[in-house]
C-alpha atoms as a PDB file:
ATOM      1  CA  UNK A   1     120.680  95.216  88.204  1.00  0.00           C
ATOM      2  CA  UNK A   2     119.786  98.233  90.308  1.00  0.00           C
ATOM      3  CA  UNK A   3     122.252 101.040  90.949  1.00  0.00           C
ATOM      4  CA  UNK A   4     122.977 101.823  94.598  1.00  0.00           C
ATOM      5  CA  UNK A   5     124.564 105.137  95.519  1.00  0.00           C
ATOM      6  CA  UNK A   6     126.029 106.112  98.894  1.00  0.00           C
ATOM      7  CA  UNK A   7     124.786 109.513  99.951  1.00  0.00           C
ATOM      8  CA  UNK A   8     126.125 111.135 103.128  1.00  0.00           C
ATOM      9  CA  UNK A   9     127.164 107.712 104.342  1.00  0.00           C
ATOM     10  CA  UNK A  10     123.799 106.134 103.524  1.00  0.00           C
ATOM     11  CA  UNK A  11     123.182 103.550 100.760  1.00  0.00           C
ATOM     12  CA  UNK A  12     120.167 104.369  98.565  1.00  0.00           C
ATOM     13  CA  UNK A  13     118.859 102.515  95.519  1.00  0.00           C
ATOM     14  CA  UNK A  14     118.480 104.757  92.480  1.00  0.00           C
ATOM     15  CA  UNK A  15     115.033 103.513  91.469  1.00  0.00           C
ATOM     16  CA  UNK A  16     111.833 105.025  90.154  1.00  0.00           C
ATOM     17  CA  UNK A  17     108.464 104.044  91.567  1.00  0.00           C
ATOM     18  CA  UNK A  18     107.812 101.851  88.533  1.00  0.00           C
ATOM     19  CA  UNK A  19     111.161 100.087  88.831  1.00  0.00           C
ATOM     20  CA  UNK A  20     110.606  99.468  92.545  1.00  0.00           C
ATOM     21  CA  UNK A  21     107.179  97.957  91.898  1.00  0.00           C
ATOM     22  CA  UNK A  22     108.595  95.694  89.172  1.00  0.00           C
ATOM     23  CA  UNK A  23     111.275  94.334  91.534  1.00  0.00           C
ATOM     24  CA  UNK A  24     108.699  93.637  94.252  1.00  0.00           C
ATOM     25  CA  UNK A  25     106.236  91.967  91.894  1.00  0.00           C
ATOM     26  CA  UNK A  26     108.996  89.782  90.437  1.00  0.00           C
ATOM     27  CA  UNK A  27     110.093  88.729  93.932  1.00  0.00           C
ATOM     28  CA  UNK A  28     106.559  87.765  94.950  1.00  0.00           C
ATOM     29  CA  UNK A  29     106.085  85.755  91.755  1.00  0.00           C
ATOM     30  CA  UNK A  30     109.321  83.882  92.476  1.00  0.00           C
ATOM     31  CA  UNK A  31     108.388  83.450  96.165  1.00  0.00           C
ATOM     32  CA  UNK A  32     111.469  85.361  97.259  1.00  0.00           C
ATOM     33  CA  UNK A  33     111.789  87.562 100.338  1.00  0.00           C
ATOM     34  CA  UNK A  34     112.467  91.317 100.171  1.00  0.00           C
ATOM     35  CA  UNK A  35     113.056  93.628 103.117  1.00  0.00           C
ATOM     36  CA  UNK A  36     112.271  97.195 102.051  1.00  0.00           C
ATOM     37  CA  UNK A  37     112.966 100.473 103.802  1.00  0.00           C
ATOM     38  CA  UNK A  38     113.009 104.188 103.032  1.00  0.00           C
ATOM     39  CA  UNK A  39     115.209 107.065 104.143  1.00  0.00           C
ATOM     40  CA  UNK A  40     114.430 110.730 104.581  1.00  0.00           C
ATOM     41  CA  UNK A  41     116.403 113.661 105.977  1.00  0.00           C
ATOM     42  CA  UNK A  42     115.632 112.873 109.605  1.00  0.00           C
ATOM     43  CA  UNK A  43     116.481 109.196 109.293  1.00  0.00           C
ATOM     44  CA  UNK A  44     119.809 109.902 107.592  1.00  0.00           C
ATOM     45  CA  UNK A  45     120.706 112.204 110.488  1.00  0.00           C
ATOM     46  CA  UNK A  46     119.644 109.606 113.071  1.00  0.00           C
ATOM     47  CA  UNK A  47     121.651 106.871 111.354  1.00  0.00           C
ATOM     48  CA  UNK A  48     124.862 108.766 112.143  1.00  0.00           C
ATOM     49  CA  UNK A  49     124.304 108.315 115.895  1.00  0.00           C
ATOM     50  CA  UNK A  50     121.992 105.293 116.170  1.00  0.00           C
ATOM     51  CA  UNK A  51     124.014 102.233 115.184  1.00  0.00           C
ATOM     52  CA  UNK A  52     121.073  99.852 115.605  1.00  0.00           C
ATOM     53  CA  UNK A  53     118.925 101.910 113.231  1.00  0.00           C
ATOM     54  CA  UNK A  54     121.804 102.154 110.774  1.00  0.00           C
ATOM     55  CA  UNK A  55     122.327  98.401 110.743  1.00  0.00           C
ATOM     56  CA  UNK A  56     118.605  97.840 110.228  1.00  0.00           C
ATOM     57  CA  UNK A  57     118.513 100.190 107.236  1.00  0.00           C
ATOM     58  CA  UNK A  58     121.721  99.363 105.394  1.00  0.00           C
ATOM     59  CA  UNK A  59     120.977  95.630 105.425  1.00  0.00           C
ATOM     60  CA  UNK A  60     117.605  96.050 103.686  1.00  0.00           C
ATOM     61  CA  UNK A  61     117.251  94.672 100.157  1.00  0.00           C
ATOM     62  CA  UNK A  62     115.681  97.862  98.775  1.00  0.00           C
ATOM     63  CA  UNK A  63     116.333 101.338 100.165  1.00  0.00           C
ATOM     64  CA  UNK A  64     114.230 104.080  98.567  1.00  0.00           C
ATOM     65  CA  UNK A  65     114.532 107.846  99.000  1.00  0.00           C
ATOM     66  CA  UNK A  66     111.282 108.857 100.683  1.00  0.00           C
ATOM     67  CA  UNK A  67     112.111 112.530 101.296  1.00  0.00           C
ATOM     68  CA  UNK A  68     112.392 115.194  98.608  1.00  0.00           C
ATOM     69  CA  UNK A  69     115.309 116.728 100.541  1.00  0.00           C
ATOM     70  CA  UNK A  70     117.266 113.515  99.958  1.00  0.00           C
ATOM     71  CA  UNK A  71     116.696 113.800  96.197  1.00  0.00           C
ATOM     72  CA  UNK A  72     117.854 117.435  96.225  1.00  0.00           C
ATOM     73  CA  UNK A  73     120.930 116.495  98.266  1.00  0.00           C
ATOM     74  CA  UNK A  74     121.814 113.754  95.783  1.00  0.00           C
ATOM     75  CA  UNK A  75     121.808 116.310  92.966  1.00  0.00           C
ATOM     76  CA  UNK A  76     123.924 118.760  94.943  1.00  0.00           C
ATOM     77  CA  UNK A  77     126.451 116.038  95.730  1.00  0.00           C
ATOM     78  CA  UNK A  78     126.760 114.870  92.143  1.00  0.00           C
ATOM     79  CA  UNK A  79     124.887 111.554  91.928  1.00  0.00           C
ATOM     80  CA  UNK A  80     121.274 112.525  91.273  1.00  0.00           C
ATOM     81  CA  UNK A  81     118.545 110.097  92.249  1.00  0.00           C
ATOM     82  CA  UNK A  82     115.907 109.539  89.576  1.00  0.00           C
ATOM     83  CA  UNK A  83     112.972 110.476  91.788  1.00  0.00           C
ATOM     84  CA  UNK A  84     111.446 110.344  95.212  1.00  0.00           C
ATOM     85  CA  UNK A  85     109.649 107.086  96.041  1.00  0.00           C
ATOM     86  CA  UNK A  86     107.362 108.045  98.921  1.00  0.00           C
ATOM     87  CA  UNK A  87     106.505 105.190 101.259  1.00  0.00           C
ATOM     88  CA  UNK A  88     102.803 106.026 101.411  1.00  0.00           C
ATOM     89  CA  UNK A  89     102.571 106.112  97.595  1.00  0.00           C
ATOM     90  CA  UNK A  90     104.436 102.825  97.300  1.00  0.00           C
ATOM     91  CA  UNK A  91     102.077 101.243  99.827  1.00  0.00           C
ATOM     92  CA  UNK A  92      99.036 102.480  97.911  1.00  0.00           C
ATOM     93  CA  UNK A  93     100.396 101.093  94.653  1.00  0.00           C
ATOM     94  CA  UNK A  94     101.168  97.759  96.304  1.00  0.00           C
ATOM     95  CA  UNK A  95      97.655  97.445  97.744  1.00  0.00           C
ATOM     96  CA  UNK A  96      96.301  97.877  94.221  1.00  0.00           C
ATOM     97  CA  UNK A  97      98.858  95.345  92.959  1.00  0.00           C
ATOM     98  CA  UNK A  98      97.710  92.907  95.649  1.00  0.00           C
ATOM     99  CA  UNK A  99      94.109  93.247  94.521  1.00  0.00           C
ATOM    100  CA  UNK A 100      94.960  92.695  90.858  1.00  0.00           C
ATOM    101  CA  UNK A 101      97.165  89.661  91.558  1.00  0.00           C
ATOM    102  CA  UNK A 102      95.275  88.094  94.470  1.00  0.00           C
ATOM    103  CA  UNK A 103      98.035  88.783  96.986  1.00  0.00           C
ATOM    104  CA  UNK A 104      97.293  89.047 100.687  1.00  0.00           C
ATOM    105  CA  UNK A 105      98.488  91.760 103.078  1.00  0.00           C
ATOM    106  CA  UNK A 106      99.069  91.902 106.828  1.00  0.00           C
ATOM    107  CA  UNK A 107      98.755  95.331 108.437  1.00  0.00           C
ATOM    108  CA  UNK A 108     100.662  95.946 111.694  1.00  0.00           C
ATOM    109  CA  UNK A 109     100.646  99.232 113.563  1.00  0.00           C
ATOM    110  CA  UNK A 110      98.729 102.367 114.553  1.00  0.00           C
ATOM    111  CA  UNK A 111      95.899 102.573 117.090  1.00  0.00           C
ATOM    112  CA  UNK A 112      93.108 100.008 116.942  1.00  0.00           C
ATOM    113  CA  UNK A 113      90.468 102.459 115.674  1.00  0.00           C
ATOM    114  CA  UNK A 114      92.799 103.717 112.935  1.00  0.00           C
ATOM    115  CA  UNK A 115      93.690 100.175 111.925  1.00  0.00           C
ATOM    116  CA  UNK A 116      90.073  99.043 111.728  1.00  0.00           C
ATOM    117  CA  UNK A 117      89.139 102.050 109.607  1.00  0.00           C
ATOM    118  CA  UNK A 118      92.059 101.353 107.270  1.00  0.00           C
ATOM    119  CA  UNK A 119      91.041  97.706 106.852  1.00  0.00           C
ATOM    120  CA  UNK A 120      87.426  98.716 106.302  1.00  0.00           C
ATOM    121  CA  UNK A 121      88.338 101.248 103.610  1.00  0.00           C
ATOM    122  CA  UNK A 122      90.616  98.856 101.740  1.00  0.00           C
ATOM    123  CA  UNK A 123      88.035  96.060 102.000  1.00  0.00           C
ATOM    124  CA  UNK A 124      85.390  98.320 100.450  1.00  0.00           C
ATOM    125  CA  UNK A 125      87.670  99.869  97.819  1.00  0.00           C
ATOM    126  CA  UNK A 126      89.223  96.568  96.792  1.00  0.00           C
ATOM    127  CA  UNK A 127      88.149  93.348  98.510  1.00  0.00           C
ATOM    128  CA  UNK A 128      88.266  91.759 101.985  1.00  0.00           C
ATOM    129  CA  UNK A 129      90.208  88.968 100.281  1.00  0.00           C
ATOM    130  CA  UNK A 130      93.404  91.053 100.270  1.00  0.00           C
ATOM    131  CA  UNK A 131      93.454  91.113 104.095  1.00  0.00           C
ATOM    132  CA  UNK A 132      95.599  88.363 105.598  1.00  0.00           C
ATOM    133  CA  UNK A 133      95.339  89.848 109.071  1.00  0.00           C
ATOM    134  CA  UNK A 134      95.965  92.951 111.154  1.00  0.00           C
ATOM    135  CA  UNK A 135      97.138  94.009 114.605  1.00  0.00           C
ATOM    136  CA  UNK A 136      97.623  97.381 116.300  1.00  0.00           C
ATOM    137  CA  UNK A 137     101.089  98.702 117.031  1.00  0.00           C
ATOM    138  CA  UNK A 138     100.932  98.655 120.822  1.00  0.00           C
ATOM    139  CA  UNK A 139     102.826  95.701 122.226  1.00  0.00           C
ATOM    140  CA  UNK A 140     105.812  94.905 124.414  1.00  0.00           C
ATOM    141  CA  UNK A 141     109.262  94.017 123.136  1.00  0.00           C
ATOM    142  CA  UNK A 142     108.930  90.506 124.525  1.00  0.00           C
ATOM    143  CA  UNK A 143     105.798  89.961 122.394  1.00  0.00           C
ATOM    144  CA  UNK A 144     107.520  90.707 119.093  1.00  0.00           C
ATOM    145  CA  UNK A 145     108.591  87.160 118.274  1.00  0.00           C
ATOM    146  CA  UNK A 146     105.079  85.800 118.813  1.00  0.00           C
ATOM    147  CA  UNK A 147     103.603  88.561 116.650  1.00  0.00           C
ATOM    148  CA  UNK A 148     106.159  87.890 113.908  1.00  0.00           C
ATOM    149  CA  UNK A 149     105.224  84.202 113.960  1.00  0.00           C
ATOM    150  CA  UNK A 150     101.540  85.103 113.696  1.00  0.00           C
ATOM    151  CA  UNK A 151     102.276  87.216 110.635  1.00  0.00           C
ATOM    152  CA  UNK A 152     104.487  84.564 109.068  1.00  0.00           C
ATOM    153  CA  UNK A 153     101.712  81.992 109.484  1.00  0.00           C
ATOM    154  CA  UNK A 154      99.009  84.280 108.034  1.00  0.00           C
ATOM    155  CA  UNK A 155      99.777  83.421 104.366  1.00  0.00           C
ATOM    156  CA  UNK A 156     100.484  87.101 103.732  1.00  0.00           C
ATOM    157  CA  UNK A 157     102.529  88.051 100.686  1.00  0.00           C
ATOM    158  CA  UNK A 158     103.125  91.569 102.031  1.00  0.00           C
ATOM    159  CA  UNK A 159     103.550  93.152 105.456  1.00  0.00           C
ATOM    160  CA  UNK A 160     103.148  96.867 106.146  1.00  0.00           C
ATOM    161  CA  UNK A 161     104.336  98.125 109.546  1.00  0.00           C
ATOM    162  CA  UNK A 162     103.030 101.539 110.651  1.00  0.00           C
ATOM    163  CA  UNK A 163     105.090 102.185 113.763  1.00  0.00           C
ATOM    164  CA  UNK A 164     107.407 105.101 114.506  1.00  0.00           C
ATOM    165  CA  UNK A 165     111.137 105.023 113.767  1.00  0.00           C
ATOM    166  CA  UNK A 166     113.427 103.434 114.765  1.00  0.00           C
ATOM    167  CA  UNK A 167     111.103 100.797 116.254  1.00  0.00           C
ATOM    168  CA  UNK A 168     109.671  99.589 112.942  1.00  0.00           C
ATOM    169  CA  UNK A 169     113.073  99.341 111.232  1.00  0.00           C
ATOM    170  CA  UNK A 170     114.540  97.372 114.116  1.00  0.00           C
ATOM    171  CA  UNK A 171     111.450  95.136 114.367  1.00  0.00           C
ATOM    172  CA  UNK A 172     111.647  94.205 110.690  1.00  0.00           C
ATOM    173  CA  UNK A 173     115.408  93.638 110.775  1.00  0.00           C
ATOM    174  CA  UNK A 174     115.458  91.569 113.959  1.00  0.00           C
ATOM    175  CA  UNK A 175     112.522  89.421 112.843  1.00  0.00           C
ATOM    176  CA  UNK A 176     113.438  89.076 109.164  1.00  0.00           C
ATOM    177  CA  UNK A 177     114.208  85.359 109.510  1.00  0.00           C
ATOM    178  CA  UNK A 178     110.945  84.677 111.341  1.00  0.00           C
ATOM    179  CA  UNK A 179     109.099  86.551 108.574  1.00  0.00           C
ATOM    180  CA  UNK A 180     110.803  84.570 105.802  1.00  0.00           C
ATOM    181  CA  UNK A 181     107.506  83.299 104.343  1.00  0.00           C
ATOM    182  CA  UNK A 182     106.278  86.856 103.763  1.00  0.00           C
ATOM    183  CA  UNK A 183     107.589  87.911 100.364  1.00  0.00           C
ATOM    184  CA  UNK A 184     107.708  91.639 101.034  1.00  0.00           C
ATOM    185  CA  UNK A 185     108.084  93.508 104.332  1.00  0.00           C
ATOM    186  CA  UNK A 186     108.042  97.285 104.650  1.00  0.00           C
ATOM    187  CA  UNK A 187     107.790 100.035 107.250  1.00  0.00           C
ATOM    188  CA  UNK A 188     105.271 102.748 106.364  1.00  0.00           C
ATOM    189  CA  UNK A 189     105.415 105.175 109.311  1.00  0.00           C
ATOM    190  CA  UNK A 190     102.220 107.174 109.740  1.00  0.00           C
ATOM    191  CA  UNK A 191     100.644 106.036 106.463  1.00  0.00           C
ATOM    192  CA  UNK A 192      97.776 104.175 108.142  1.00  0.00           C
ATOM    193  CA  UNK A 193      96.585 107.402 109.796  1.00  0.00           C
ATOM    194  CA  UNK A 194      96.527 109.167 106.422  1.00  0.00           C
ATOM    195  CA  UNK A 195      94.723 106.401 104.526  1.00  0.00           C
ATOM    196  CA  UNK A 196      92.204 106.003 107.374  1.00  0.00           C
ATOM    197  CA  UNK A 197      91.440 109.727 107.250  1.00  0.00           C
ATOM    198  CA  UNK A 198      92.748 110.668 110.698  1.00  0.00           C
ATOM    199  CA  UNK A 199      95.620 112.762 109.344  1.00  0.00           C
ATOM    200  CA  UNK A 200      95.555 114.879 106.186  1.00  0.00           C
ATOM    201  CA  UNK A 201      98.357 114.639 103.670  1.00  0.00           C
ATOM    202  CA  UNK A 202      99.917 117.815 102.328  1.00  0.00           C
ATOM    203  CA  UNK A 203      98.527 119.208  99.060  1.00  0.00           C
ATOM    204  CA  UNK A 204     100.308 118.026  95.939  1.00  0.00           C
ATOM    205  CA  UNK A 205     102.031 121.376  95.393  1.00  0.00           C
ATOM    206  CA  UNK A 206     103.590 121.155  98.863  1.00  0.00           C
ATOM    207  CA  UNK A 207     104.705 117.588  98.173  1.00  0.00           C
ATOM    208  CA  UNK A 208     106.409 118.700  94.966  1.00  0.00           C
ATOM    209  CA  UNK A 209     108.182 121.536  96.781  1.00  0.00           C
ATOM    210  CA  UNK A 210     109.364 119.199  99.523  1.00  0.00           C
ATOM    211  CA  UNK A 211     107.187 120.907 102.145  1.00  0.00           C
ATOM    212  CA  UNK A 212     105.225 117.937 103.463  1.00  0.00           C
ATOM    213  CA  UNK A 213     107.156 118.257 106.720  1.00  0.00           C
ATOM    214  CA  UNK A 214     105.863 121.840 107.164  1.00  0.00           C
ATOM    215  CA  UNK A 215     102.287 120.640 106.698  1.00  0.00           C
ATOM    216  CA  UNK A 216     102.833 117.987 109.378  1.00  0.00           C
ATOM    217  CA  UNK A 217     104.227 120.608 111.772  1.00  0.00           C
ATOM    218  CA  UNK A 218     101.180 122.788 111.094  1.00  0.00           C
ATOM    219  CA  UNK A 219      98.846 119.892 111.959  1.00  0.00           C
ATOM    220  CA  UNK A 220     100.731 118.616 115.018  1.00  0.00           C
ATOM    221  CA  UNK A 221     103.094 121.408 116.173  1.00  0.00           C
ATOM    222  CA  UNK A 222     103.909 120.004 119.613  1.00  0.00           C
ATOM    223  CA  UNK A 223     104.782 116.536 118.377  1.00  0.00           C
ATOM    224  CA  UNK A 224     106.407 117.419 115.044  1.00  0.00           C
ATOM    225  CA  UNK A 225     108.256 120.682 115.701  1.00  0.00           C
ATOM    226  CA  UNK A 226     111.428 119.166 117.114  1.00  0.00           C
ATOM    227  CA  UNK A 227     111.393 116.186 114.756  1.00  0.00           C
ATOM    228  CA  UNK A 228     111.259 118.229 111.569  1.00  0.00           C
ATOM    229  CA  UNK A 229     112.690 121.675 112.267  1.00  0.00           C
ATOM    230  CA  UNK A 230     115.605 120.460 114.358  1.00  0.00           C
ATOM    231  CA  UNK A 231     116.042 117.381 112.156  1.00  0.00           C
ATOM    232  CA  UNK A 232     116.067 119.429 108.950  1.00  0.00           C
ATOM    233  CA  UNK A 233     118.627 121.847 110.415  1.00  0.00           C
ATOM    234  CA  UNK A 234     120.908 118.943 111.338  1.00  0.00           C
ATOM    235  CA  UNK A 235     120.444 117.485 107.845  1.00  0.00           C
ATOM    236  CA  UNK A 236     121.587 120.764 106.259  1.00  0.00           C
ATOM    237  CA  UNK A 237     124.611 120.834 108.573  1.00  0.00           C
ATOM    238  CA  UNK A 238     125.455 117.265 107.597  1.00  0.00           C
ATOM    239  CA  UNK A 239     125.007 118.032 103.906  1.00  0.00           C
ATOM    240  CA  UNK A 240     127.395 120.982 104.122  1.00  0.00           C
ATOM    241  CA  UNK A 241     129.922 118.826 105.977  1.00  0.00           C
ATOM    242  CA  UNK A 242     129.856 116.130 103.281  1.00  0.00           C
ATOM    243  CA  UNK A 243     129.929 118.695 100.472  1.00  0.00           C
ATOM    244  CA  UNK A 244     133.004 120.382 101.891  1.00  0.00           C
ATOM    245  CA  UNK A 245     134.751 117.098 102.680  1.00  0.00           C
ATOM    246  CA  UNK A 246     134.839 116.031  99.047  1.00  0.00           C
ATOM    247  CA  UNK A 247     133.802 112.510 100.119  1.00  0.00           C
ATOM    248  CA  UNK A 248     130.093 112.921  99.633  1.00  0.00           C
ATOM    249  CA  UNK A 249     129.188 109.941  97.573  1.00  0.00           C
ATOM    250  CA  UNK A 250     130.097 106.776  95.748  1.00  0.00           C
ATOM    251  CA  UNK A 251     128.058 104.584  93.443  1.00  0.00           C
ATOM    252  CA  UNK A 252     128.012 100.888  92.642  1.00  0.00           C
END
C-alpha cells in the first residue's frame, strides 16, 4: 500500500520511480484504470485558487512530485518524499515498458509537426506497433467528448496528454469515465516538444539542483518568466506560511 502525504494542502504519493512503474504495470496487467498526475511548485500554488484544477488533481489515483522544489519542501516540513518522479522521465520509461510488453499508446497534444516528429522517433527507436493513435492538442471544448471516445476505442493501454495546465488535468478528470478502457492516463505537459527535439531539456546538473525552471526561462523568457519566477516566489511564500502555521503536513 502506498503512503500518501499531504504537503501544503496537496496530497502526494511518496513513491520512487521504480515503485510508480510497478503500480502502473500491475494495473495494466489486471486491466484496471489509473489516472495519474504530477505536481510541481507552480501547480501547488495554482491549486490554492483554482478549485477545478484542485479537484482534478486530488482525485487522481497516483500523484507524483514532479518538481525538485516539492521534494525540498517536503523535507523542510518534516515528511520527506523519497525522490522526484519527473513526468517526462516517467513517460520515457513507460514507452520502453510498452515496447517490451506489447502495450499500445495514444499521444494527444502539442502542434501537429511536433506530434508527427515524436511518433516518428518512437516508431524508429522502438516500433510502430506501440502507436495506437495520435492527435494534436488544438481543439475546442465541445470536441473533447468525441476525442475521448476516439481514444477509448483505439485499443490503447496508455494515454499521454501534452497540453498546458490546467487544461490537461481538467480534460483527463472530466473524461475519465469515457476513457475507462485505457488502463493508464497521464498529463505530460511539454514533454512532446522535448522528445521531438524542438525544446532542449536542462543539463543533468541543473536538474539535480532543481534549476530546470531557470533553463526554461533562458530558452523562452517571454513565455516562461511570469510562470516560473512569479510562481516560484508565491511557492516560497506559501511554504513559509505553512511552516509557521504548524499545520504543514499529515500522512496516511
